[in-house]
Amino acid sequence: MWIIQFSIRNPVTVIVTTLLVGLFGALSLSKIPIQMKPTVDKPEIKITTTYPGAAPQEVEEQITIPMEEKLQAVEGLKRLTSSSTEGRSNVELEFEWGVNKDIAVVDIIKRLARIKDWPEDAEEPIIYAGTSSERRPIYWATMRGSMPVNKMRQVGDDFIVPKFERIEGVAEVRVYGGEEREIQVVVDFKALSARGLNVRDVGLALARENMNVRGGHIDQGKRRYLVRTVGLFKNIRDIESVIIKKDRDRAPVYIRDVARVYDTFKERTAMVRIMGQPAIAFGIVKKTGSNTIQVVEDVESTIKKINKALKSQGVAIYESYDSSDYIWESINFVVSNLGYGSFLAVAVLMLFLKSFRSTLIIGVSIPIVIMAGFSLLGLFGRSLNIVSLAGMAFAVGMVVDNAIVVLENIYRHLQMGKDRAKAALEGSLEVWGAVLASTLTTLAVFIPIIFIKEESGQLFKDIAIAISCSVVVSLIVSVTLIPMMAARFLDVGTLFKGDRQRKFLDILKIDYIGSGIGRFFIWIVEKLSGSSLKT
């Protein structure tokens, strides 16, 4: 096999390639998204529509039923469920596994646009393509201090939320607590009817006047002036001065003639209290596929900057919940098991091979395979989570199998009196086919999992990719790095040469275990073949 000959004859190339694999693995490790578990993209889409002030019956008749009639024909739809409550319609669509959700969202938008009799007061439908777990905040922070809670809410909406939303990887910032500012126009119905007006006239007048209108430009000599009609309301007096219509006597009717304008707050639907004191809560929702750890670090850095800016106002932001803590705990637990597994694998090799150099040659393959696994995980666009790390932990014991088979056969050729280079070449050539077959049987078990589209396939895809990549890399290492190192460093000596070491081995009965296994296999072969193998 040419790759074995090339590796033995070009050790520098193999060493440089190995170092590059480790380097790329380290770079990939720093860029791979880190999260608790793999992203399971369920084929679900939720549509929420707000219809303020409408009873559940009106919401169902005017919003939910027309949407259901249009959405029933969406391609790939498996189940459609809906619920209508006071002022809100929720429609959930479940699709067959494997459906492209981006295409489904476009189809939904086109079908919703065909609804003609849409209530004027109803808001535009909001489409959520992510699952409920993806919309769960990964970080909670609370704002508290000596400032009134309603003032803190205003500072949060105007100053803090925009800073959080500018962080890369943040999809949404949810704000709870306090009362949101609201301008209320309280209409006097008697004054309206006396002037021949209704509430619709007031709403149209406010919408018509509360806008800036472009007016083109005026050329004067060498200069051009931009003309704008500024109409956005700046204070309550501007709202009160809006003309609704002219009455029967052609006199203008102002808002102040038929209504009272108040600068107040919306009706409270939630309350946040920390240690008995009112506070404001911020929930940070990350984008799908974003690095949870990186997003949390950026959020904490932003909070430090915000606290410096708000220090003079007597308020500060404090951490209440950080999902990255649980992620680090889980990942560190798996990483520690991975380290223990690697150490125990090397220890077992040391006891059975009885050669420091042999153990070193095989032990080097473990970190190389792990670093190459990180590179391949990044290449396939996967994340670093407890499932993928568990796959690498499982693969630690598997990746040394190929190396042991190749090294043992090289060692046998050395015992026959051959020089290192010849023993490495011939020993590797004899067993590379068996090593390849062993690797392919492992791949045959795990590769089909990668193509499962259901939830179980998405959940265990990372472990299948991690193990498959590890055994493939171990195959490459066993026919490149192992023969090259054996041709330079392997000898037929033993690590345990003194009487004390031999007595230690006798106590452990290591030799008896190996010889016992050998005699068992000889007995099996003799029984099956009907002939004796003794000479």
Protein backbone atom coordinates (compact mmCIF):
# COMPACT_ATOMS: atom_id res chain seq x y z
CA MET A 1 0.00 0.00 0.00
CA TRP A 2 1.61 3.22 -1.18
CA ILE A 3 0.49 5.39 1.77
CA ILE A 4 2.34 3.14 4.23
CA GLN A 5 5.54 3.28 2.17
CA PHE A 6 5.20 7.05 1.80
CA SER A 7 4.74 7.55 5.57
CA ILE A 8 7.81 5.45 6.44
CA ARG A 9 10.00 7.20 3.87
CA ASN A 10 8.76 10.74 4.66
CA PRO A 11 8.58 11.12 8.44
CA VAL A 12 8.86 14.91 8.33
CA THR A 13 5.76 15.17 6.13
CA VAL A 14 3.79 12.94 8.49
CA ILE A 15 4.90 14.92 11.56
CA VAL A 16 4.04 18.27 9.96
CA THR A 17 0.63 16.94 8.86
CA THR A 18 -0.01 15.70 12.39
CA LEU A 19 0.88 19.10 13.87
CA LEU A 20 -1.41 20.83 11.35
CA VAL A 21 -4.26 18.51 12.32
CA GLY A 22 -3.74 19.49 15.95
CA LEU A 23 -3.59 23.19 15.02
CA PHE A 24 -6.76 23.09 12.92
CA GLY A 25 -8.47 21.13 15.68
CA ALA A 26 -7.61 23.83 18.22
CA LEU A 27 -8.89 26.56 15.87
CA SER A 28 -12.11 24.65 15.20
CA LEU A 29 -12.59 24.12 18.93
CA SER A 30 -12.50 27.87 19.50
CA LYS A 31 -15.15 28.50 16.81
CA ILE A 32 -17.56 25.59 17.20
CA PRO A 33 -20.87 26.70 18.80
CA ILE A 34 -21.17 25.38 22.36
CA GLN A 35 -24.57 24.41 23.74
CA MET A 36 -26.16 21.94 26.12
CA LYS A 37 -27.64 19.55 23.57
CA PRO A 38 -27.93 19.31 19.78
CA THR A 39 -30.35 21.60 17.99
CA VAL A 40 -33.49 19.64 17.14
CA ASP A 41 -35.28 21.54 14.37
CA LYS A 42 -38.87 20.37 14.74
CA PRO A 43 -41.04 21.01 11.65
CA GLU A 44 -43.40 23.33 13.50
CA ILE A 45 -44.53 26.86 12.67
CA LYS A 46 -46.65 29.02 14.95
CA ILE A 47 -48.73 32.03 13.84
CA THR A 48 -49.90 34.55 16.43
CA THR A 49 -52.35 37.35 15.62
CA THR A 50 -53.44 40.06 18.06
CA TYR A 51 -56.96 41.53 17.81
CA PRO A 52 -57.26 44.05 20.70
CA GLY A 53 -60.57 44.13 22.51
CA ALA A 54 -62.15 41.23 20.60
CA ALA A 55 -63.96 38.41 22.35
CA PRO A 56 -62.86 34.80 21.67
CA GLN A 57 -65.90 34.26 19.40
CA GLU A 58 -65.03 37.25 17.21
CA VAL A 59 -61.37 36.22 17.14
CA GLU A 60 -62.35 32.74 15.96
CA GLU A 61 -64.82 33.92 13.30
CA GLN A 62 -62.83 36.83 11.89
CA ILE A 63 -59.22 35.68 12.36
CA THR A 64 -58.77 31.98 13.10
CA ILE A 65 -61.27 30.37 10.71
CA PRO A 66 -60.19 32.41 7.62
CA MET A 67 -56.56 31.52 8.37
CA GLU A 68 -57.40 27.83 8.73
CA GLU A 69 -59.22 27.81 5.38
CA LYS A 70 -56.20 29.26 3.59
CA LEU A 71 -53.52 27.25 5.40
CA GLN A 72 -55.06 23.79 5.04
CA ALA A 73 -53.53 23.42 1.57
CA VAL A 74 -49.94 24.22 2.61
CA GLU A 75 -47.63 21.58 1.12
CA GLY A 76 -46.30 18.99 3.57
CA LEU A 77 -48.77 19.92 6.34
CA LYS A 78 -49.38 17.07 8.80
CA ARG A 79 -51.52 18.66 11.51
CA LEU A 80 -53.12 22.08 12.09
CA THR A 81 -54.31 23.17 15.52
CA SER A 82 -55.67 26.52 16.64
CA SER A 83 -56.92 28.34 19.72
CA SER A 84 -58.81 31.59 20.10
CA THR A 85 -58.68 33.63 23.29
CA GLU A 86 -59.53 37.19 24.20
CA GLY A 87 -57.71 39.43 21.73
CA ARG A 88 -55.41 36.68 20.41
CA SER A 89 -55.41 33.91 17.82
CA ASN A 90 -52.84 31.09 17.83
CA VAL A 91 -52.45 28.73 14.89
CA GLU A 92 -49.85 25.94 15.01
CA LEU A 93 -48.80 23.98 11.92
CA GLU A 94 -46.93 20.69 12.18
CA PHE A 95 -45.20 19.43 9.02
CA GLU A 96 -43.72 16.15 7.90
CA TRP A 97 -40.10 15.60 8.89
CA GLY A 98 -37.73 16.80 6.17
CA VAL A 99 -39.89 19.72 5.01
CA ASN A 100 -37.90 22.89 4.30
CA LYS A 101 -39.30 25.38 6.82
CA ASP A 102 -38.04 28.41 4.89
CA ILE A 103 -40.09 27.38 1.85
CA ALA A 104 -43.06 26.59 4.12
CA VAL A 105 -42.90 30.08 5.67
CA VAL A 106 -42.93 31.70 2.22
CA ASP A 107 -45.94 29.58 1.25
CA ILE A 108 -47.74 30.59 4.46
CA ILE A 109 -47.08 34.30 3.86
CA LYS A 110 -48.48 34.06 0.32
CA ARG A 111 -51.63 32.29 1.50
CA LEU A 112 -52.23 34.73 4.36
CA ALA A 113 -51.97 37.60 1.88
CA ARG A 114 -55.04 36.19 0.08
CA ILE A 115 -57.31 36.81 3.07
CA LYS A 116 -59.51 39.75 2.03
CA ASP A 117 -61.88 40.53 4.89
CA TRP A 118 -59.24 41.20 7.53
CA PRO A 119 -60.43 43.27 10.54
CA GLU A 120 -59.00 46.78 10.48
CA ASP A 121 -58.08 46.75 14.17
CA ALA A 122 -56.29 43.40 13.94
CA GLU A 123 -52.50 43.45 13.83
CA GLU A 124 -50.40 41.67 11.24
CA PRO A 125 -49.84 37.95 11.95
CA ILE A 126 -46.46 37.11 13.51
CA ILE A 127 -44.88 33.89 12.24
CA TYR A 128 -42.52 31.90 14.51
CA ALA A 129 -40.51 29.27 12.64
CA GLY A 130 -38.44 28.16 15.64
CA THR A 131 -39.39 25.58 18.24
CA SER A 132 -40.47 26.49 21.76
CA SER A 133 -37.07 25.50 23.20
CA GLU A 134 -35.31 27.86 20.80
CA ARG A 135 -37.53 30.74 21.95
CA ARG A 136 -36.66 30.14 25.61
CA PRO A 137 -34.35 32.84 27.07
CA ILE A 138 -30.80 31.70 27.75
CA TYR A 139 -30.06 34.58 30.12
CA TRP A 140 -32.16 36.59 32.58
CA ALA A 141 -31.08 39.90 34.05
CA THR A 142 -32.91 42.22 36.44
CA MET A 143 -32.66 45.98 36.78
CA ARG A 144 -33.28 47.49 40.20
CA GLY A 145 -32.31 50.49 42.26
CA SER A 146 -33.64 53.74 43.70
CA MET A 147 -35.30 54.90 40.45
CA PRO A 148 -39.12 54.50 40.17
CA VAL A 149 -39.99 51.25 38.41
CA ASN A 150 -41.90 52.96 35.58
CA LYS A 151 -38.92 55.19 34.92
CA MET A 152 -36.67 52.11 34.90
CA ARG A 153 -38.99 50.53 32.34
CA GLN A 154 -38.64 53.56 30.09
CA VAL A 155 -34.85 53.54 30.47
CA GLY A 156 -34.86 49.82 29.67
CA ASP A 157 -36.93 50.23 26.50
CA ASP A 158 -35.05 53.28 25.22
CA PHE A 159 -31.47 52.59 26.31
CA ILE A 160 -30.84 48.99 27.43
CA VAL A 161 -32.87 46.89 24.97
CA PRO A 162 -31.24 48.41 21.85
CA LYS A 163 -27.79 47.60 23.26
CA PHE A 164 -28.76 43.98 23.90
CA GLU A 165 -30.32 43.63 20.45
CA ARG A 166 -27.08 44.79 18.78
CA ILE A 167 -25.18 41.82 20.25
CA GLU A 168 -24.33 39.23 17.61
CA GLY A 169 -26.41 36.10 18.11
CA VAL A 170 -29.27 37.77 20.03
CA ALA A 171 -32.66 37.20 18.37
CA GLU A 172 -35.00 38.88 20.85
CA VAL A 173 -35.02 40.76 24.16
CA ARG A 174 -38.11 40.33 26.33
CA VAL A 175 -38.91 42.98 28.93
CA TYR A 176 -41.15 42.42 31.96
CA GLY A 177 -42.08 44.59 34.92
CA GLY A 178 -43.13 48.17 35.40
CA GLU A 179 -45.70 49.85 33.20
CA GLU A 180 -45.11 50.73 29.59
CA ARG A 181 -45.82 54.34 28.66
CA GLU A 182 -49.04 54.95 26.76
CA ILE A 183 -50.86 58.03 25.48
CA GLN A 184 -54.58 57.58 26.08
CA VAL A 185 -57.28 59.54 24.28
CA VAL A 186 -60.47 59.25 26.37
CA VAL A 187 -63.44 60.17 24.20
CA ASP A 188 -66.59 61.96 25.40
CA PHE A 189 -69.35 60.17 23.44
CA LYS A 190 -71.94 62.86 24.12
CA ALA A 191 -69.66 65.54 22.69
CA LEU A 192 -68.97 63.33 19.68
CA SER A 193 -72.61 62.65 18.88
CA ALA A 194 -73.51 66.32 19.36
CA ARG A 195 -71.09 67.18 16.54
CA GLY A 196 -72.12 64.29 14.31
CA LEU A 197 -68.84 62.37 14.77
CA ASN A 198 -67.85 58.86 15.88
CA VAL A 199 -64.79 57.09 17.30
CA ARG A 200 -63.63 56.07 13.81
CA ASP A 201 -63.33 59.73 12.84
CA VAL A 202 -61.08 60.37 15.85
CA GLY A 203 -58.84 57.40 15.00
CA LEU A 204 -58.50 58.41 11.36
CA ALA A 205 -57.64 62.00 12.30
CA LEU A 206 -54.90 60.90 14.71
CA ALA A 207 -53.40 58.47 12.18
CA ARG A 208 -53.54 61.12 9.43
CA GLU A 209 -51.79 63.83 11.43
CA ASN A 210 -49.14 61.78 13.27
CA MET A 211 -46.62 61.49 10.44
CA ASN A 212 -43.87 63.32 8.61
CA VAL A 213 -44.55 63.90 4.92
CA ARG A 214 -41.90 64.56 2.30
CA GLY A 215 -42.38 67.69 0.23
CA GLY A 216 -39.80 67.30 -2.51
CA HIS A 217 -37.15 70.02 -2.94
CA ILE A 218 -36.76 73.65 -3.92
CA ASP A 219 -33.95 74.88 -6.15
CA GLN A 220 -32.63 78.34 -5.40
CA GLY A 221 -29.61 79.37 -7.40
CA LYS A 222 -26.85 76.84 -6.85
CA ARG A 223 -28.52 75.38 -3.79
CA ARG A 224 -31.23 72.76 -3.38
CA TYR A 225 -33.37 72.68 -0.25
CA LEU A 226 -35.17 69.56 0.95
CA VAL A 227 -38.76 70.19 2.03
CA ARG A 228 -40.34 68.14 4.83
CA THR A 229 -43.70 68.48 6.52
CA VAL A 230 -43.12 67.60 10.17
CA GLY A 231 -46.24 66.23 11.82
CA LEU A 232 -45.17 63.67 14.44
CA PHE A 233 -46.64 64.41 17.86
CA LYS A 234 -44.12 65.67 20.41
CA ASN A 235 -46.39 66.39 23.37
CA ILE A 236 -50.00 66.20 24.51
CA ARG A 237 -50.76 69.70 23.27
CA ASP A 238 -49.99 68.59 19.69
CA ILE A 239 -52.54 65.78 20.02
CA GLU A 240 -55.19 68.06 21.51
CA SER A 241 -54.76 70.50 18.61
CA VAL A 242 -55.57 67.93 15.92
CA ILE A 243 -58.59 68.88 13.82
CA ILE A 244 -61.01 65.99 13.36
CA LYS A 245 -63.52 67.58 11.01
CA LYS A 246 -65.62 70.67 10.61
CA ASP A 247 -69.04 70.69 12.21
CA ARG A 248 -72.33 71.76 10.64
CA ASP A 249 -71.40 75.41 11.07
CA ARG A 250 -68.05 74.82 9.27
CA ALA A 251 -66.18 75.38 12.54
CA PRO A 252 -63.16 73.09 13.18
CA VAL A 253 -63.62 70.38 15.81
CA TYR A 254 -60.46 69.67 17.77
CA ILE A 255 -59.51 66.59 19.78
CA ARG A 256 -59.69 68.69 22.96
CA ASP A 257 -63.36 69.45 22.20
CA VAL A 258 -64.46 65.80 22.30
CA ALA A 259 -61.78 63.99 24.33
CA ARG A 260 -59.19 64.23 27.07
CA VAL A 261 -55.55 63.21 26.43
CA TYR A 262 -53.49 61.57 29.21
CA ASP A 263 -49.81 60.67 29.31
CA THR A 264 -50.06 57.47 31.37
CA PHE A 265 -49.17 53.79 31.26
CA LYS A 266 -50.59 50.60 29.74
CA GLU A 267 -52.63 48.19 31.78
CA ARG A 268 -50.25 46.04 33.84
CA THR A 269 -50.22 42.35 32.86
CA ALA A 270 -47.06 41.24 34.70
CA MET A 271 -45.13 42.23 37.80
CA VAL A 272 -41.50 41.57 38.74
CA ARG A 273 -40.27 41.84 42.34
CA ILE A 274 -36.76 41.04 43.59
CA MET A 275 -36.33 40.76 47.37
CA GLY A 276 -39.67 42.49 47.81
CA GLN A 277 -38.74 45.47 45.62
CA PRO A 278 -40.18 46.18 42.12
CA ALA A 279 -37.72 45.53 39.29
CA ILE A 280 -37.43 45.14 35.53
CA ALA A 281 -36.52 41.75 34.01
CA PHE A 282 -34.78 41.23 30.66
CA GLY A 283 -34.90 37.83 28.92
CA ILE A 284 -32.27 37.25 26.21
CA VAL A 285 -33.27 34.84 23.42
CA LYS A 286 -30.48 33.66 21.12
CA LYS A 287 -30.68 32.95 17.41
CA THR A 288 -30.85 29.34 16.25
CA GLY A 289 -27.36 27.87 15.93
CA SER A 290 -25.63 30.69 17.79
CA ASN A 291 -22.89 29.96 20.30
CA THR A 292 -24.63 30.12 23.68
CA ILE A 293 -21.38 30.62 25.58
CA GLN A 294 -20.25 33.46 23.32
CA VAL A 295 -23.64 35.19 23.45
CA VAL A 296 -23.67 35.04 27.26
CA GLU A 297 -20.13 36.44 27.46
CA ASP A 298 -21.08 39.34 25.15
CA VAL A 299 -24.23 40.01 27.21
CA GLU A 300 -22.24 40.12 30.45
CA SER A 301 -19.68 42.46 28.86
CA THR A 302 -22.52 44.74 27.70
CA ILE A 303 -24.06 44.72 31.19
CA LYS A 304 -20.78 45.94 32.68
CA LYS A 305 -20.74 48.88 30.25
CA ILE A 306 -24.39 49.68 30.96
CA ASN A 307 -23.83 49.62 34.73
CA LYS A 308 -21.00 52.14 34.36
CA ALA A 309 -23.30 54.44 32.38
CA LEU A 310 -26.20 54.09 34.87
CA LYS A 311 -24.13 54.29 38.06
CA SER A 312 -24.95 57.97 38.59
CA GLN A 313 -28.71 57.27 38.33
CA GLY A 314 -28.75 54.81 41.22
CA VAL A 315 -29.72 51.68 39.26
CA ALA A 316 -27.82 48.61 38.08
CA ILE A 317 -28.39 45.34 36.20
CA TYR A 318 -27.80 42.01 37.94
CA GLU A 319 -27.63 38.46 36.66
CA SER A 320 -30.58 36.24 37.64
CA TYR A 321 -30.15 33.18 35.42
CA ASP A 322 -27.29 32.04 33.19
CA SER A 323 -27.81 28.86 31.15
CA SER A 324 -24.10 28.71 30.32
CA ASP A 325 -23.39 27.62 33.92
CA TYR A 326 -25.30 24.39 33.37
CA ILE A 327 -23.69 23.93 29.96
CA TRP A 328 -20.19 24.26 31.40
CA GLU A 329 -21.01 21.87 34.25
CA SER A 330 -22.28 19.23 31.83
CA ILE A 331 -19.45 19.68 29.34
CA ASN A 332 -16.78 19.64 32.05
CA PHE A 333 -18.26 16.41 33.41
CA VAL A 334 -18.06 14.77 29.97
CA VAL A 335 -14.57 16.21 29.34
CA SER A 336 -13.35 14.82 32.67
CA ASN A 337 -14.70 11.39 31.74
CA LEU A 338 -12.95 11.73 28.39
CA GLY A 339 -9.68 12.45 30.17
CA TYR A 340 -10.13 9.57 32.61
CA GLY A 341 -10.94 7.24 29.73
CA SER A 342 -7.81 8.26 27.85
CA PHE A 343 -5.65 7.80 30.95
CA LEU A 344 -7.10 4.36 31.69
CA ALA A 345 -6.65 3.31 28.07
CA VAL A 346 -2.96 4.26 28.22
CA ALA A 347 -2.57 2.51 31.58
CA VAL A 348 -4.05 -0.72 30.25
CA LEU A 349 -1.78 -0.53 27.21
CA MET A 350 1.22 -0.07 29.49
CA LEU A 351 0.34 -3.16 31.51
CA PHE A 352 -0.31 -5.47 28.57
CA LEU A 353 2.26 -4.21 26.05
CA LYS A 354 4.96 -3.91 28.75
CA SER A 355 6.82 -1.38 26.61
CA PHE A 356 7.03 2.34 27.18
CA ARG A 357 7.76 3.06 23.53
CA SER A 358 4.86 0.94 22.29
CA THR A 359 2.49 2.65 24.70
CA LEU A 360 3.78 6.08 23.66
CA ILE A 361 3.27 5.32 19.96
CA ILE A 362 -0.33 4.23 20.50
CA GLY A 363 -1.06 6.89 23.12
CA VAL A 364 -0.11 9.68 20.69
CA SER A 365 -2.96 8.61 18.42
CA ILE A 366 -5.63 9.49 21.03
CA PRO A 367 -5.17 13.31 21.12
CA ILE A 368 -4.58 13.37 17.35
CA VAL A 369 -7.90 11.63 16.71
CA ILE A 370 -9.74 13.89 19.17
CA MET A 371 -8.37 17.11 17.61
CA ALA A 372 -9.18 15.84 14.12
CA GLY A 373 -12.70 15.08 15.39
CA PHE A 374 -13.13 18.72 16.42
CA SER A 375 -12.09 19.84 12.94
CA LEU A 376 -14.58 17.51 11.27
CA LEU A 377 -17.39 18.56 13.62
CA GLY A 378 -16.77 22.17 12.62
CA LEU A 379 -16.60 21.17 8.95
CA PHE A 380 -20.01 19.49 9.15
CA GLY A 381 -21.48 22.52 10.91
CA ARG A 382 -22.22 20.70 14.17
CA SER A 383 -22.07 22.10 17.69
CA LEU A 384 -20.06 21.04 20.71
CA ASN A 385 -22.50 19.54 23.20
CA ILE A 386 -22.78 16.70 25.67
CA VAL A 387 -23.89 14.29 22.92
CA SER A 388 -20.96 14.94 20.57
CA LEU A 389 -18.49 14.89 23.48
CA ALA A 390 -20.01 11.62 24.69
CA GLY A 391 -19.41 10.23 21.20
CA MET A 392 -15.75 11.17 21.43
CA ALA A 393 -15.53 9.62 24.89
CA PHE A 394 -16.99 6.38 23.52
CA ALA A 395 -14.55 6.49 20.62
CA VAL A 396 -11.42 6.75 22.81
CA GLY A 397 -11.41 3.02 23.41
CA MET A 398 -12.24 2.30 19.79
CA VAL A 399 -9.58 4.46 18.16
CA VAL A 400 -6.69 2.55 19.76
CA ASP A 401 -7.90 -0.80 18.37
CA ASN A 402 -6.54 -0.19 14.87
CA ALA A 403 -3.26 1.14 16.24
CA ILE A 404 -2.81 -1.91 18.51
CA VAL A 405 -3.44 -4.36 15.66
CA VAL A 406 -0.89 -2.66 13.41
CA LEU A 407 1.71 -2.16 16.15
CA GLU A 408 1.47 -5.75 17.43
CA ASN A 409 2.07 -7.13 13.95
CA ILE A 410 5.05 -4.81 13.47
CA TYR A 411 6.39 -5.98 16.83
CA ARG A 412 6.05 -9.61 15.70
CA HIS A 413 8.15 -8.88 12.62
CA LEU A 414 10.76 -7.21 14.80
CA GLN A 415 10.97 -10.36 16.91
CA MET A 416 11.66 -12.28 13.70
CA GLY A 417 14.92 -10.35 13.37
CA LYS A 418 13.92 -7.79 10.73
CA ASP A 419 15.08 -4.19 10.89
CA ARG A 420 12.65 -1.49 12.00
CA ALA A 421 11.80 -0.07 8.56
CA LYS A 422 11.21 -3.47 6.99
CA ALA A 423 9.21 -4.71 9.99
CA ALA A 424 7.05 -1.55 9.94
CA LEU A 425 6.36 -1.89 6.21
CA GLU A 426 5.64 -5.61 6.06
CA GLY A 427 3.78 -5.69 9.36
CA SER A 428 1.47 -2.86 8.30
CA LEU A 429 0.89 -4.31 4.81
CA GLU A 430 -0.24 -7.62 6.30
CA VAL A 431 -3.03 -6.21 8.46
CA TRP A 432 -4.21 -3.01 6.73
CA GLY A 433 -7.03 -4.93 5.02
CA ALA A 434 -8.29 -6.30 8.33
CA VAL A 435 -8.07 -2.84 9.92
CA LEU A 436 -10.04 -1.36 7.01
CA ALA A 437 -12.73 -4.04 7.32
CA SER A 438 -13.02 -3.41 11.06
CA THR A 439 -13.45 0.32 10.47
CA LEU A 440 -16.07 -0.18 7.77
CA THR A 441 -18.16 -2.41 10.01
CA THR A 442 -18.22 0.34 12.65
CA LEU A 443 -19.18 2.94 10.03
CA ALA A 444 -21.95 0.67 8.77
CA VAL A 445 -23.56 0.89 12.21
CA PHE A 446 -23.35 4.65 12.78
CA ILE A 447 -23.57 6.28 9.34
CA PRO A 448 -27.27 5.39 8.78
CA ILE A 449 -28.12 7.40 11.91
CA ILE A 450 -26.89 10.54 10.16
CA PHE A 451 -29.63 10.25 7.51
CA ILE A 452 -32.54 9.83 9.93
CA LYS A 453 -34.71 12.95 9.62
CA GLU A 454 -36.92 12.41 12.68
CA GLU A 455 -36.24 13.91 16.10
CA SER A 456 -34.21 10.88 17.22
CA GLY A 457 -31.95 11.23 14.17
CA GLN A 458 -31.30 14.91 14.84
CA LEU A 459 -30.63 14.19 18.51
CA PHE A 460 -28.12 11.37 17.92
CA LYS A 461 -26.60 12.68 14.69
CA ASP A 462 -23.76 14.31 16.61
CA ILE A 463 -22.75 11.11 18.37
CA ALA A 464 -22.83 9.23 15.04
CA ILE A 465 -20.68 11.87 13.35
CA ALA A 466 -18.23 12.01 16.27
CA ILE A 467 -17.70 8.24 16.38
CA SER A 468 -17.59 7.84 12.59
CA CYS A 469 -15.05 10.65 12.19
CA SER A 470 -12.94 9.27 15.03
CA VAL A 471 -12.69 5.74 13.65
CA VAL A 472 -11.93 7.02 10.13
CA VAL A 473 -9.13 9.21 11.48
CA SER A 474 -7.87 6.30 13.59
CA LEU A 475 -7.67 4.19 10.41
CA ILE A 476 -5.58 6.88 8.72
CA VAL A 477 -3.37 7.23 11.79
CA SER A 478 -2.82 3.46 12.01
CA VAL A 479 -1.45 3.27 8.43
CA THR A 480 0.56 6.52 8.51
CA LEU A 481 1.67 7.74 11.92
CA ILE A 482 1.96 4.31 13.62
CA PRO A 483 4.25 2.73 10.95
CA MET A 484 6.37 5.89 10.76
CA MET A 485 6.89 6.04 14.55
CA ALA A 486 7.45 2.27 14.76
CA ALA A 487 10.15 2.48 12.10
CA ARG A 488 12.00 5.05 14.24
CA PHE A 489 11.32 4.21 17.89
CA LEU A 490 10.00 0.68 18.36
CA ASP A 491 12.26 -2.00 19.85
CA VAL A 492 11.83 -5.51 21.17
CA GLY A 493 12.83 -4.63 24.72
CA THR A 494 10.47 -4.64 27.67
CA LEU A 495 9.72 -1.94 30.19
CA PHE A 496 9.74 -4.36 33.11
CA LYS A 497 13.29 -5.76 33.33
CA GLY A 498 13.89 -5.90 37.10
CA ASP A 499 12.84 -8.55 39.57
CA ARG A 500 10.48 -6.19 41.41
CA GLN A 501 8.59 -5.34 38.24
CA ARG A 502 8.33 -9.01 37.33
CA LYS A 503 7.02 -9.87 40.79
CA PHE A 504 4.48 -7.06 40.41
CA LEU A 505 3.28 -8.54 37.12
CA ASP A 506 3.11 -11.98 38.70
CA ILE A 507 0.84 -10.60 41.40
CA LEU A 508 -1.45 -9.00 38.79
CA LYS A 509 -1.39 -12.22 36.75
CA ILE A 510 -1.19 -10.18 33.53
CA ASP A 511 0.74 -12.88 31.66
CA TYR A 512 -1.67 -15.57 32.83
CA ILE A 513 -4.63 -13.58 31.52
CA GLY A 514 -3.08 -13.30 28.06
CA SER A 515 -1.97 -16.92 27.89
CA GLY A 516 -5.36 -18.08 29.16
CA ILE A 517 -7.15 -16.16 26.41
CA GLY A 518 -4.72 -17.64 23.87
CA ARG A 519 -5.35 -21.20 25.06
CA PHE A 520 -9.11 -20.60 24.90
CA PHE A 521 -8.97 -19.57 21.25
CA ILE A 522 -6.70 -22.50 20.40
CA TRP A 523 -9.22 -24.85 22.01
CA ILE A 524 -12.08 -23.30 19.99
CA VAL A 525 -10.18 -23.67 16.72
CA GLU A 526 -9.26 -27.27 17.50
CA LYS A 527 -12.87 -28.16 18.27
CA LEU A 528 -14.17 -26.54 15.10
CA SER A 529 -11.45 -27.92 12.82
CA GLY A 530 -11.16 -31.33 14.42
CA SER A 531 -7.36 -31.22 14.32
CA SER A 532 -4.67 -30.40 16.84
CA LEU A 533 -2.66 -27.16 16.62
CA LYS A 534 0.11 -28.39 18.95
CA THR A 535 3.47 -29.12 17.36
